[in-house]
Amino acid sequence: MANFEKQIADYRLTTANILYHMPDHPAFLQEFIWQEYDIHPKFPVLRKFLAFWEKEIEGSIHSVYIAHMPIITPGDSRFYDAEFTLH
């Protein structure tokens, strides 16, 4: 599905800040930023990624912080009193 189609289907740009324990040094936390279009509030795409992480990646997850925002909102269109010409 194209990004614009996802936006129309109520997908939102979702950013997850994943803190995980480093495999060689479990006392240290490392940060991973993940970003994808997903559906609020169930976040199926993020859940699939986290399931993959648990299965395939050695570093155990400490915490996940999620932020999401609709891409197309009514306030995105503004009219300005200006005219520009490109040559």
PDB file of N, CA and C in Angstrom:
ATOM      1  N   MET A   1       0.847  -1.171   0.000  1.00  0.00           N
ATOM      2  CA  MET A   1       0.000   0.000   0.000  1.00  0.00           C
ATOM      3  C   MET A   1       0.897   1.240   0.000  1.00  0.00           C
ATOM      4  N   ALA A   2       0.600   2.200  -0.843  1.00  0.00           N
ATOM      5  CA  ALA A   2       1.390   3.430  -0.935  1.00  0.00           C
ATOM      6  C   ALA A   2       1.172   4.290   0.305  1.00  0.00           C
ATOM      7  N   ASN A   3       2.130   5.154   0.598  1.00  0.00           N
ATOM      8  CA  ASN A   3       2.049   5.984   1.800  1.00  0.00           C
ATOM      9  C   ASN A   3       0.796   6.847   1.829  1.00  0.00           C
ATOM     10  N   PHE A   4       0.424   7.443   0.685  1.00  0.00           N
ATOM     11  CA  PHE A   4      -0.779   8.283   0.661  1.00  0.00           C
ATOM     12  C   PHE A   4      -2.020   7.448   0.942  1.00  0.00           C
ATOM     13  N   GLU A   5      -2.100   6.248   0.383  1.00  0.00           N
ATOM     14  CA  GLU A   5      -3.239   5.368   0.645  1.00  0.00           C
ATOM     15  C   GLU A   5      -3.308   4.997   2.119  1.00  0.00           C
ATOM     16  N   LYS A   6      -2.155   4.796   2.747  1.00  0.00           N
ATOM     17  CA  LYS A   6      -2.138   4.486   4.178  1.00  0.00           C
ATOM     18  C   LYS A   6      -2.674   5.659   4.991  1.00  0.00           C
ATOM     19  N   GLN A   7      -2.327   6.879   4.586  1.00  0.00           N
ATOM     20  CA  GLN A   7      -2.803   8.050   5.313  1.00  0.00           C
ATOM     21  C   GLN A   7      -4.315   8.169   5.225  1.00  0.00           C
ATOM     22  N   ILE A   8      -4.868   7.882   4.066  1.00  0.00           N
ATOM     23  CA  ILE A   8      -6.317   7.932   3.884  1.00  0.00           C
ATOM     24  C   ILE A   8      -6.986   6.827   4.701  1.00  0.00           C
ATOM     25  N   ALA A   9      -6.334   5.674   4.835  1.00  0.00           N
ATOM     26  CA  ALA A   9      -6.884   4.530   5.583  1.00  0.00           C
ATOM     27  C   ALA A   9      -6.637   4.660   7.084  1.00  0.00           C
ATOM     28  N   ASP A  10      -6.383   5.879   7.567  1.00  0.00           N
ATOM     29  CA  ASP A  10      -6.204   6.192   8.992  1.00  0.00           C
ATOM     30  C   ASP A  10      -4.914   5.638   9.589  1.00  0.00           C
ATOM     31  N   TYR A  11      -3.932   5.348   8.759  1.00  0.00           N
ATOM     32  CA  TYR A  11      -2.607   5.057   9.287  1.00  0.00           C
ATOM     33  C   TYR A  11      -2.014   6.377   9.763  1.00  0.00           C
ATOM     34  N   ARG A  12      -1.148   6.313  10.747  1.00  0.00           N
ATOM     35  CA  ARG A  12      -0.476   7.503  11.249  1.00  0.00           C
ATOM     36  C   ARG A  12       1.021   7.250  11.274  1.00  0.00           C
ATOM     37  N   LEU A  13       1.777   8.312  11.097  1.00  0.00           N
ATOM     38  CA  LEU A  13       3.220   8.182  11.209  1.00  0.00           C
ATOM     39  C   LEU A  13       3.537   7.895  12.667  1.00  0.00           C
ATOM     40  N   THR A  14       4.143   6.748  12.913  1.00  0.00           N
ATOM     41  CA  THR A  14       4.436   6.295  14.266  1.00  0.00           C
ATOM     42  C   THR A  14       5.939   6.219  14.450  1.00  0.00           C
ATOM     43  N   THR A  15       6.403   6.788  15.541  1.00  0.00           N
ATOM     44  CA  THR A  15       7.810   6.729  15.900  1.00  0.00           C
ATOM     45  C   THR A  15       7.931   6.016  17.232  1.00  0.00           C
ATOM     46  N   ALA A  16       8.787   5.007  17.288  1.00  0.00           N
ATOM     47  CA  ALA A  16       9.016   4.265  18.529  1.00  0.00           C
ATOM     48  C   ALA A  16      10.474   4.438  18.937  1.00  0.00           C
ATOM     49  N   ASN A  17      10.664   4.853  20.159  1.00  0.00           N
ATOM     50  CA  ASN A  17      12.000   4.954  20.746  1.00  0.00           C
ATOM     51  C   ASN A  17      12.184   3.697  21.584  1.00  0.00           C
ATOM     52  N   ILE A  18      13.013   2.793  21.110  1.00  0.00           N
ATOM     53  CA  ILE A  18      13.204   1.498  21.765  1.00  0.00           C
ATOM     54  C   ILE A  18      14.521   1.521  22.525  1.00  0.00           C
ATOM     55  N   LEU A  19      14.447   1.316  23.828  1.00  0.00           N
ATOM     56  CA  LEU A  19      15.645   1.185  24.655  1.00  0.00           C
ATOM     57  C   LEU A  19      15.860  -0.298  24.915  1.00  0.00           C
ATOM     58  N   TYR A  20      17.082  -0.759  24.664  1.00  0.00           N
ATOM     59  CA  TYR A  20      17.361  -2.182  24.844  1.00  0.00           C
ATOM     60  C   TYR A  20      18.713  -2.369  25.504  1.00  0.00           C
ATOM     61  N   HIS A  21      18.888  -3.517  26.146  1.00  0.00           N
ATOM     62  CA  HIS A  21      20.145  -3.852  26.801  1.00  0.00           C
ATOM     63  C   HIS A  21      21.142  -4.328  25.749  1.00  0.00           C
ATOM     64  N   MET A  22      22.358  -3.808  25.817  1.00  0.00           N
ATOM     65  CA  MET A  22      23.393  -4.245  24.881  1.00  0.00           C
ATOM     66  C   MET A  22      23.748  -5.703  25.187  1.00  0.00           C
ATOM     67  N   PRO A  23      23.841  -6.554  24.173  1.00  0.00           N
ATOM     68  CA  PRO A  23      24.115  -7.979  24.407  1.00  0.00           C
ATOM     69  C   PRO A  23      25.423  -8.241  25.150  1.00  0.00           C
ATOM     70  N   ASP A  24      26.489  -7.524  24.827  1.00  0.00           N
ATOM     71  CA  ASP A  24      27.791  -7.747  25.458  1.00  0.00           C
ATOM     72  C   ASP A  24      27.920  -7.078  26.832  1.00  0.00           C
ATOM     73  N   HIS A  25      27.103  -6.027  27.050  1.00  0.00           N
ATOM     74  CA  HIS A  25      27.153  -5.269  28.308  1.00  0.00           C
ATOM     75  C   HIS A  25      25.719  -5.007  28.762  1.00  0.00           C
ATOM     76  N   PRO A  26      25.041  -5.967  29.375  1.00  0.00           N
ATOM     77  CA  PRO A  26      23.619  -5.838  29.723  1.00  0.00           C
ATOM     78  C   PRO A  26      23.298  -4.675  30.662  1.00  0.00           C
ATOM     79  N   ALA A  27      24.281  -4.149  31.376  1.00  0.00           N
ATOM     80  CA  ALA A  27      24.024  -3.018  32.274  1.00  0.00           C
ATOM     81  C   ALA A  27      23.850  -1.709  31.506  1.00  0.00           C
ATOM     82  N   PHE A  28      24.253  -1.679  30.223  1.00  0.00           N
ATOM     83  CA  PHE A  28      24.152  -0.477  29.405  1.00  0.00           C
ATOM     84  C   PHE A  28      22.928  -0.559  28.504  1.00  0.00           C
ATOM     85  N   LEU A  29      22.267   0.590  28.335  1.00  0.00           N
ATOM     86  CA  LEU A  29      21.124   0.674  27.431  1.00  0.00           C
ATOM     87  C   LEU A  29      21.536   1.359  26.134  1.00  0.00           C
ATOM     88  N   GLN A  30      21.008   0.852  25.051  1.00  0.00           N
ATOM     89  CA  GLN A  30      21.225   1.433  23.724  1.00  0.00           C
ATOM     90  C   GLN A  30      19.859   1.888  23.223  1.00  0.00           C
ATOM     91  N   GLU A  31      19.851   2.890  22.337  1.00  0.00           N
ATOM     92  CA  GLU A  31      18.604   3.432  21.815  1.00  0.00           C
ATOM     93  C   GLU A  31      18.483   3.109  20.326  1.00  0.00           C
ATOM     94  N   PHE A  32      17.271   2.729  19.917  1.00  0.00           N
ATOM     95  CA  PHE A  32      16.973   2.470  18.510  1.00  0.00           C
ATOM     96  C   PHE A  32      15.692   3.221  18.176  1.00  0.00           C
ATOM     97  N   ILE A  33      15.709   4.005  17.104  1.00  0.00           N
ATOM     98  CA  ILE A  33      14.527   4.749  16.672  1.00  0.00           C
ATOM     99  C   ILE A  33      13.924   4.038  15.466  1.00  0.00           C
ATOM    100  N   TRP A  34      12.642   3.708  15.569  1.00  0.00           N
ATOM    101  CA  TRP A  34      11.908   3.021  14.511  1.00  0.00           C
ATOM    102  C   TRP A  34      10.788   3.950  14.063  1.00  0.00           C
ATOM    103  N   GLN A  35      10.547   4.044  12.746  1.00  0.00           N
ATOM    104  CA  GLN A  35       9.485   4.909  12.240  1.00  0.00           C
ATOM    105  C   GLN A  35       8.814   4.243  11.054  1.00  0.00           C
ATOM    106  N   GLU A  36       7.491   4.210  11.092  1.00  0.00           N
ATOM    107  CA  GLU A  36       6.714   3.563  10.034  1.00  0.00           C
ATOM    108  C   GLU A  36       5.266   4.048  10.150  1.00  0.00           C
ATOM    109  N   TYR A  37       4.486   3.849   9.098  1.00  0.00           N
ATOM    110  CA  TYR A  37       3.054   4.124   9.175  1.00  0.00           C
ATOM    111  C   TYR A  37       2.375   2.965   9.890  1.00  0.00           C
ATOM    112  N   ASP A  38       1.485   3.284  10.844  1.00  0.00           N
ATOM    113  CA  ASP A  38       0.824   2.257  11.639  1.00  0.00           C
ATOM    114  C   ASP A  38      -0.556   2.756  12.059  1.00  0.00           C
ATOM    115  N   ILE A  39      -1.381   1.864  12.566  1.00  0.00           N
ATOM    116  CA  ILE A  39      -2.750   2.200  12.966  1.00  0.00           C
ATOM    117  C   ILE A  39      -2.823   2.322  14.484  1.00  0.00           C
ATOM    118  N   HIS A  40      -3.285   3.467  14.947  1.00  0.00           N
ATOM    119  CA  HIS A  40      -3.476   3.728  16.376  1.00  0.00           C
ATOM    120  C   HIS A  40      -4.819   3.135  16.792  1.00  0.00           C
ATOM    121  N   PRO A  41      -5.026   2.534  17.911  1.00  0.00           N
ATOM    122  CA  PRO A  41      -4.161   2.352  19.061  1.00  0.00           C
ATOM    123  C   PRO A  41      -3.529   0.957  19.140  1.00  0.00           C
ATOM    124  N   LYS A  42      -3.845   0.069  18.191  1.00  0.00           N
ATOM    125  CA  LYS A  42      -3.340  -1.312  18.302  1.00  0.00           C
ATOM    126  C   LYS A  42      -1.925  -1.486  17.778  1.00  0.00           C
ATOM    127  N   PHE A  43      -1.480  -0.621  16.890  1.00  0.00           N
ATOM    128  CA  PHE A  43      -0.123  -0.624  16.337  1.00  0.00           C
ATOM    129  C   PHE A  43       0.305  -2.019  15.843  1.00  0.00           C
ATOM    130  N   PRO A  44      -0.387  -2.594  14.858  1.00  0.00           N
ATOM    131  CA  PRO A  44      -0.027  -3.937  14.395  1.00  0.00           C
ATOM    132  C   PRO A  44       1.347  -4.018  13.733  1.00  0.00           C
ATOM    133  N   VAL A  45       1.765  -2.981  13.028  1.00  0.00           N
ATOM    134  CA  VAL A  45       3.071  -3.001  12.355  1.00  0.00           C
ATOM    135  C   VAL A  45       4.184  -2.964  13.401  1.00  0.00           C
ATOM    136  N   LEU A  46       4.046  -2.113  14.403  1.00  0.00           N
ATOM    137  CA  LEU A  46       5.042  -2.038  15.478  1.00  0.00           C
ATOM    138  C   LEU A  46       5.090  -3.345  16.263  1.00  0.00           C
ATOM    139  N   ARG A  47       3.929  -3.923  16.565  1.00  0.00           N
ATOM    140  CA  ARG A  47       3.901  -5.197  17.300  1.00  0.00           C
ATOM    141  C   ARG A  47       4.604  -6.303  16.515  1.00  0.00           C
ATOM    142  N   LYS A  48       4.416  -6.305  15.192  1.00  0.00           N
ATOM    143  CA  LYS A  48       5.091  -7.298  14.357  1.00  0.00           C
ATOM    144  C   LYS A  48       6.609  -7.095  14.413  1.00  0.00           C
ATOM    145  N   PHE A  49       7.052  -5.831  14.358  1.00  0.00           N
ATOM    146  CA  PHE A  49       8.477  -5.542  14.443  1.00  0.00           C
ATOM    147  C   PHE A  49       9.043  -5.963  15.799  1.00  0.00           C
ATOM    148  N   LEU A  50       8.323  -5.663  16.881  1.00  0.00           N
ATOM    149  CA  LEU A  50       8.805  -6.030  18.216  1.00  0.00           C
ATOM    150  C   LEU A  50       8.847  -7.546  18.399  1.00  0.00           C
ATOM    151  N   ALA A  51       7.895  -8.265  17.801  1.00  0.00           N
ATOM    152  CA  ALA A  51       7.928  -9.732  17.853  1.00  0.00           C
ATOM    153  C   ALA A  51       9.153 -10.259  17.106  1.00  0.00           C
ATOM    154  N   PHE A  52       9.461  -9.654  15.957  1.00  0.00           N
ATOM    155  CA  PHE A  52      10.672 -10.016  15.213  1.00  0.00           C
ATOM    156  C   PHE A  52      11.908  -9.753  16.069  1.00  0.00           C
ATOM    157  N   TRP A  53      11.933  -8.592  16.738  1.00  0.00           N
ATOM    158  CA  TRP A  53      13.068  -8.227  17.583  1.00  0.00           C
ATOM    159  C   TRP A  53      13.285  -9.285  18.660  1.00  0.00           C
ATOM    160  N   GLU A  54      12.227  -9.640  19.362  1.00  0.00           N
ATOM    161  CA  GLU A  54      12.336 -10.618  20.452  1.00  0.00           C
ATOM    162  C   GLU A  54      12.859 -11.966  19.952  1.00  0.00           C
ATOM    163  N   LYS A  55      12.487 -12.317  18.727  1.00  0.00           N
ATOM    164  CA  LYS A  55      12.872 -13.617  18.171  1.00  0.00           C
ATOM    165  C   LYS A  55      14.288 -13.602  17.588  1.00  0.00           C
ATOM    166  N   GLU A  56      14.690 -12.527  16.913  1.00  0.00           N
ATOM    167  CA  GLU A  56      15.901 -12.518  16.114  1.00  0.00           C
ATOM    168  C   GLU A  56      17.066 -11.687  16.660  1.00  0.00           C
ATOM    169  N   ILE A  57      16.803 -10.738  17.545  1.00  0.00           N
ATOM    170  CA  ILE A  57      17.850  -9.820  18.003  1.00  0.00           C
ATOM    171  C   ILE A  57      18.252 -10.187  19.427  1.00  0.00           C
ATOM    172  N   GLU A  58      19.534 -10.154  19.690  1.00  0.00           N
ATOM    173  CA  GLU A  58      20.050 -10.584  20.990  1.00  0.00           C
ATOM    174  C   GLU A  58      19.741  -9.608  22.128  1.00  0.00           C
ATOM    175  N   GLY A  59      19.694  -8.330  21.869  1.00  0.00           N
ATOM    176  CA  GLY A  59      19.482  -7.349  22.933  1.00  0.00           C
ATOM    177  C   GLY A  59      18.047  -7.357  23.422  1.00  0.00           C
ATOM    178  N   SER A  60      17.839  -7.596  24.706  1.00  0.00           N
ATOM    179  CA  SER A  60      16.481  -7.622  25.248  1.00  0.00           C
ATOM    180  C   SER A  60      15.956  -6.194  25.409  1.00  0.00           C
ATOM    181  N   ILE A  61      14.677  -6.027  25.135  1.00  0.00           N
ATOM    182  CA  ILE A  61      14.052  -4.712  25.167  1.00  0.00           C
ATOM    183  C   ILE A  61      13.811  -4.287  26.613  1.00  0.00           C
ATOM    184  N   HIS A  62      14.225  -3.066  26.918  1.00  0.00           N
ATOM    185  CA  HIS A  62      13.989  -2.475  28.236  1.00  0.00           C
ATOM    186  C   HIS A  62      12.659  -1.729  28.250  1.00  0.00           C
ATOM    187  N   SER A  63      12.440  -0.842  27.261  1.00  0.00           N
ATOM    188  CA  SER A  63      11.210  -0.059  27.201  1.00  0.00           C
ATOM    189  C   SER A  63      11.003   0.470  25.785  1.00  0.00           C
ATOM    190  N   VAL A  64       9.744   0.802  25.499  1.00  0.00           N
ATOM    191  CA  VAL A  64       9.381   1.350  24.196  1.00  0.00           C
ATOM    192  C   VAL A  64       8.499   2.574  24.427  1.00  0.00           C
ATOM    193  N   TYR A  65       8.879   3.703  23.855  1.00  0.00           N
ATOM    194  CA  TYR A  65       8.093   4.926  23.927  1.00  0.00           C
ATOM    195  C   TYR A  65       7.550   5.206  22.526  1.00  0.00           C
ATOM    196  N   ILE A  66       6.249   5.480  22.445  1.00  0.00           N
ATOM    197  CA  ILE A  66       5.586   5.625  21.147  1.00  0.00           C
ATOM    198  C   ILE A  66       5.021   7.026  20.995  1.00  0.00           C
ATOM    199  N   ALA A  67       5.217   7.607  19.813  1.00  0.00           N
ATOM    200  CA  ALA A  67       4.593   8.870  19.436  1.00  0.00           C
ATOM    201  C   ALA A  67       3.951   8.663  18.073  1.00  0.00           C
ATOM    202  N   HIS A  68       2.766   9.222  17.883  1.00  0.00           N
ATOM    203  CA  HIS A  68       2.110   9.088  16.576  1.00  0.00           C
ATOM    204  C   HIS A  68       1.380  10.380  16.255  1.00  0.00           C
ATOM    205  N   MET A  69       1.267  10.636  14.977  1.00  0.00           N
ATOM    206  CA  MET A  69       0.648  11.871  14.513  1.00  0.00           C
ATOM    207  C   MET A  69       0.010  11.638  13.161  1.00  0.00           C
ATOM    208  N   PRO A  70      -1.252  12.059  12.977  1.00  0.00           N
ATOM    209  CA  PRO A  70      -1.831  11.960  11.642  1.00  0.00           C
ATOM    210  C   PRO A  70      -1.056  12.858  10.677  1.00  0.00           C
ATOM    211  N   ILE A  71      -0.869  12.383   9.476  1.00  0.00           N
ATOM    212  CA  ILE A  71      -0.077  13.132   8.507  1.00  0.00           C
ATOM    213  C   ILE A  71      -0.904  14.247   7.872  1.00  0.00           C
ATOM    214  N   ILE A  72      -2.104  13.936   7.461  1.00  0.00           N
ATOM    215  CA  ILE A  72      -2.962  14.930   6.820  1.00  0.00           C
ATOM    216  C   ILE A  72      -3.954  15.432   7.857  1.00  0.00           C
ATOM    217  N   THR A  73      -3.884  16.720   8.151  1.00  0.00           N
ATOM    218  CA  THR A  73      -4.808  17.318   9.109  1.00  0.00           C
ATOM    219  C   THR A  73      -5.424  18.567   8.492  1.00  0.00           C
ATOM    220  N   PRO A  74      -6.588  19.000   8.969  1.00  0.00           N
ATOM    221  CA  PRO A  74      -7.227  20.182   8.384  1.00  0.00           C
ATOM    222  C   PRO A  74      -6.370  21.440   8.474  1.00  0.00           C
ATOM    223  N   GLY A  75      -5.551  21.556   9.500  1.00  0.00           N
ATOM    224  CA  GLY A  75      -4.747  22.759   9.678  1.00  0.00           C
ATOM    225  C   GLY A  75      -3.526  22.848   8.780  1.00  0.00           C
ATOM    226  N   ASP A  76      -3.326  21.868   7.915  1.00  0.00           N
ATOM    227  CA  ASP A  76      -2.144  21.879   7.068  1.00  0.00           C
ATOM    228  C   ASP A  76      -2.243  22.867   5.909  1.00  0.00           C
ATOM    229  N   SER A  77      -3.437  23.287   5.533  1.00  0.00           N
ATOM    230  CA  SER A  77      -3.605  24.209   4.415  1.00  0.00           C
ATOM    231  C   SER A  77      -3.745  25.632   4.938  1.00  0.00           C
ATOM    232  N   ARG A  78      -2.928  26.508   4.415  1.00  0.00           N
ATOM    233  CA  ARG A  78      -2.985  27.917   4.799  1.00  0.00           C
ATOM    234  C   ARG A  78      -2.914  28.763   3.534  1.00  0.00           C
ATOM    235  N   PHE A  79      -3.618  29.887   3.549  1.00  0.00           N
ATOM    236  CA  PHE A  79      -3.594  30.793   2.418  1.00  0.00           C
ATOM    237  C   PHE A  79      -2.753  32.003   2.784  1.00  0.00           C
ATOM    238  N   TYR A  80      -1.921  32.416   1.855  1.00  0.00           N
ATOM    239  CA  TYR A  80      -1.041  33.548   2.077  1.00  0.00           C
ATOM    240  C   TYR A  80      -1.323  34.614   1.029  1.00  0.00           C
ATOM    241  N   ASP A  81      -1.137  35.862   1.406  1.00  0.00           N
ATOM    242  CA  ASP A  81      -1.310  36.981   0.480  1.00  0.00           C
ATOM    243  C   ASP A  81       0.013  37.244  -0.227  1.00  0.00           C
ATOM    244  N   ALA A  82       0.357  36.333  -1.132  1.00  0.00           N
ATOM    245  CA  ALA A  82       1.595  36.491  -1.868  1.00  0.00           C
ATOM    246  C   ALA A  82       1.483  35.724  -3.184  1.00  0.00           C
ATOM    247  N   GLU A  83       2.254  36.182  -4.136  1.00  0.00           N
ATOM    248  CA  GLU A  83       2.313  35.498  -5.421  1.00  0.00           C
ATOM    249  C   GLU A  83       3.767  35.383  -5.822  1.00  0.00           C
ATOM    250  N   PHE A  84       4.157  34.179  -6.233  1.00  0.00           N
ATOM    251  CA  PHE A  84       5.537  33.923  -6.602  1.00  0.00           C
ATOM    252  C   PHE A  84       5.590  33.443  -8.038  1.00  0.00           C
ATOM    253  N   THR A  85       6.593  33.897  -8.768  1.00  0.00           N
ATOM    254  CA  THR A  85       6.786  33.476 -10.134  1.00  0.00           C
ATOM    255  C   THR A  85       8.171  32.861 -10.254  1.00  0.00           C
ATOM    256  N   LEU A  86       8.230  31.682 -10.814  1.00  0.00           N
ATOM    257  CA  LEU A  86       9.511  31.019 -11.043  1.00  0.00           C
ATOM    258  C   LEU A  86       9.899  31.163 -12.496  1.00  0.00           C
ATOM    259  N   HIS A  87      11.139  31.535 -12.746  1.00  0.00           N
ATOM    260  CA  HIS A  87      11.616  31.703 -14.126  1.00  0.00           C
ATOM    261  C   HIS A  87      12.618  30.646 -14.431  1.00  0.00           C
TER     262      HIS A  87
END
